[in-house]
C-alpha atoms as a PDB file:
ATOM      1  CA  MET A   1      85.690  91.247 128.190  1.00  0.00           C
ATOM      2  CA  ILE A   2      86.616  91.520 124.513  1.00  0.00           C
ATOM      3  CA  GLN A   3      90.298  91.081 123.786  1.00  0.00           C
ATOM      4  CA  SER A   4      91.880  94.281 122.441  1.00  0.00           C
ATOM      5  CA  GLU A   5      94.051  94.446 119.341  1.00  0.00           C
ATOM      6  CA  PHE A   6      97.038  95.007 121.633  1.00  0.00           C
ATOM      7  CA  GLY A   7      96.040  92.021 123.785  1.00  0.00           C
ATOM      8  CA  ARG A   8      95.748  89.780 120.720  1.00  0.00           C
ATOM      9  CA  HIS A   9      99.174  90.888 119.445  1.00  0.00           C
ATOM     10  CA  LEU A  10     100.775  90.424 122.843  1.00  0.00           C
ATOM     11  CA  GLU A  11      99.357  86.935 123.296  1.00  0.00           C
ATOM     12  CA  LEU A  12     100.278  85.912 119.742  1.00  0.00           C
ATOM     13  CA  LEU A  13     103.873  87.103 120.142  1.00  0.00           C
ATOM     14  CA  ARG A  14     104.170  85.545 123.587  1.00  0.00           C
ATOM     15  CA  ARG A  15     103.024  82.181 122.257  1.00  0.00           C
ATOM     16  CA  ARG A  16     105.296  82.507 119.206  1.00  0.00           C
ATOM     17  CA  SER A  17     108.231  83.263 121.495  1.00  0.00           C
ATOM     18  CA  GLY A  18     107.506  80.104 123.484  1.00  0.00           C
ATOM     19  CA  LYS A  19     107.419  82.085 126.711  1.00  0.00           C
ATOM     20  CA  SER A  20     104.804  81.615 129.409  1.00  0.00           C
ATOM     21  CA  ARG A  21     103.311  84.585 131.231  1.00  0.00           C
ATOM     22  CA  TYR A  22     105.417  83.514 134.204  1.00  0.00           C
ATOM     23  CA  ARG A  23     108.625  83.635 132.133  1.00  0.00           C
ATOM     24  CA  LEU A  24     107.645  86.960 130.543  1.00  0.00           C
ATOM     25  CA  ALA A  25     106.970  88.359 134.013  1.00  0.00           C
ATOM     26  CA  GLN A  26     110.459  87.251 135.069  1.00  0.00           C
ATOM     27  CA  TYR A  27     112.063  88.899 132.015  1.00  0.00           C
ATOM     28  CA  THR A  28     110.195  92.200 132.473  1.00  0.00           C
ATOM     29  CA  GLY A  29     109.604  92.482 136.204  1.00  0.00           C
ATOM     30  CA  LEU A  30     105.888  92.904 135.514  1.00  0.00           C
ATOM     31  CA  ASP A  31     103.248  90.989 137.430  1.00  0.00           C
ATOM     32  CA  GLN A  32     101.752  87.867 135.790  1.00  0.00           C
ATOM     33  CA  ALA A  33      98.250  89.075 136.644  1.00  0.00           C
ATOM     34  CA  TYR A  34      98.960  92.377 134.877  1.00  0.00           C
ATOM     35  CA  LEU A  35     100.127  90.490 131.785  1.00  0.00           C
ATOM     36  CA  LEU A  36      96.942  88.410 131.834  1.00  0.00           C
ATOM     37  CA  ARG A  37      94.829  91.570 132.106  1.00  0.00           C
ATOM     38  CA  LEU A  38      96.712  93.109 129.165  1.00  0.00           C
ATOM     39  CA  GLU A  39      96.194  90.009 127.019  1.00  0.00           C
ATOM     40  CA  SER A  40      92.515  89.671 127.924  1.00  0.00           C
ATOM     41  CA  GLY A  41      91.768  93.351 127.274  1.00  0.00           C
ATOM     42  CA  GLU A  42      90.734  93.916 130.891  1.00  0.00           C
ATOM     43  CA  ARG A  43      93.629  96.344 131.169  1.00  0.00           C
ATOM     44  CA  SER A  44      94.530  98.632 128.296  1.00  0.00           C
ATOM     45  CA  SER A  45      96.827 101.525 127.582  1.00  0.00           C
ATOM     46  CA  PRO A  46     100.195 100.323 128.818  1.00  0.00           C
ATOM     47  CA  SER A  47     102.893 102.975 128.591  1.00  0.00           C
ATOM     48  CA  ARG A  48     105.221 103.064 125.596  1.00  0.00           C
ATOM     49  CA  ASP A  49     108.073 101.987 127.876  1.00  0.00           C
ATOM     50  CA  VAL A  50     106.113  98.905 128.987  1.00  0.00           C
ATOM     51  CA  VAL A  51     105.295  97.989 125.379  1.00  0.00           C
ATOM     52  CA  ILE A  52     108.962  98.289 124.349  1.00  0.00           C
ATOM     53  CA  MET A  53     110.062  96.307 127.405  1.00  0.00           C
ATOM     54  CA  LEU A  54     107.563  93.551 126.515  1.00  0.00           C
ATOM     55  CA  GLY A  55     108.705  93.522 122.889  1.00  0.00           C
ATOM     56  CA  LEU A  56     112.361  93.242 123.833  1.00  0.00           C
ATOM     57  CA  ALA A  57     111.650  90.492 126.366  1.00  0.00           C
ATOM     58  CA  LEU A  58     109.636  88.546 123.785  1.00  0.00           C
ATOM     59  CA  ALA A  59     112.411  88.863 121.207  1.00  0.00           C
ATOM     60  CA  GLU A  60     115.184  87.804 123.594  1.00  0.00           C
ATOM     61  CA  ASN A  61     116.715  84.479 122.502  1.00  0.00           C
ATOM     62  CA  VAL A  62     114.020  84.036 119.823  1.00  0.00           C
ATOM     63  CA  ASP A  63     114.915  84.212 116.125  1.00  0.00           C
ATOM     64  CA  SER A  64     111.293  84.369 114.957  1.00  0.00           C
ATOM     65  CA  ILE A  65     110.540  87.715 116.622  1.00  0.00           C
ATOM     66  CA  GLY A  66     112.212  90.875 115.365  1.00  0.00           C
ATOM     67  CA  VAL A  67     111.978  94.625 115.386  1.00  0.00           C
ATOM     68  CA  HIS A  68     109.025  94.571 112.971  1.00  0.00           C
ATOM     69  CA  ASP A  69     107.059  92.586 115.579  1.00  0.00           C
ATOM     70  CA  ILE A  70     107.890  95.168 118.251  1.00  0.00           C
ATOM     71  CA  ASP A  71     106.669  97.856 115.822  1.00  0.00           C
ATOM     72  CA  GLU A  72     103.387  95.955 115.369  1.00  0.00           C
ATOM     73  CA  LEU A  73     102.982  95.741 119.149  1.00  0.00           C
ATOM     74  CA  LEU A  74     103.619  99.494 119.457  1.00  0.00           C
ATOM     75  CA  LEU A  75     101.122 100.253 116.693  1.00  0.00           C
ATOM     76  CA  ALA A  76      98.506  98.011 118.334  1.00  0.00           C
ATOM     77  CA  ALA A  77      98.963 100.060 121.534  1.00  0.00           C
ATOM     78  CA  GLU A  78      98.540 103.225 119.416  1.00  0.00           C
ATOM     79  CA  PHE A  79     102.157 104.374 119.641  1.00  0.00           C
ATOM     80  CA  ALA A  80     104.515 105.290 116.826  1.00  0.00           C
ATOM     81  CA  PRO A  81     106.875 102.530 115.679  1.00  0.00           C
ATOM     82  CA  LEU A  82     110.551 102.561 116.598  1.00  0.00           C
ATOM     83  CA  LYS A  83     112.652 105.059 114.673  1.00  0.00           C
ATOM     84  CA  ARG A  84     115.505 103.553 112.691  1.00  0.00           C
ATOM     85  CA  ARG A  85     118.831 105.281 112.347  1.00  0.00           C
ATOM     86  CA  GLY A  86     118.739 107.631 109.374  1.00  0.00           C
ATOM     87  CA  GLU A  87     114.947 107.361 109.084  1.00  0.00           C
ATOM     88  CA  ARG A  88     112.888 110.522 109.170  1.00  0.00           C
ATOM     89  CA  ILE A  89     109.473 110.487 110.784  1.00  0.00           C
ATOM     90  CA  SER A  90     106.894 112.362 108.740  1.00  0.00           C
ATOM     91  CA  ARG A  91     104.097 114.234 110.426  1.00  0.00           C
END
């Protein structure tokens, strides 16, 4: 199976965060096998809530991952980025 853009982003951020799939599963409550399927592209289209939960878990206790990385993960999953306070979303 060809790795999706979302899967590539997720794996890259997970590695950059220094977290294993096991640790990420503990942070999020998601199954390790599900995380592997997301990264490999075998499973696609996670919900927006799952993507945000993954982004927050990856950023926890890691200075090198910020809100812009969560936005990139959301965009890779074909969701709108996070709205910032005072920011208007154009349609």
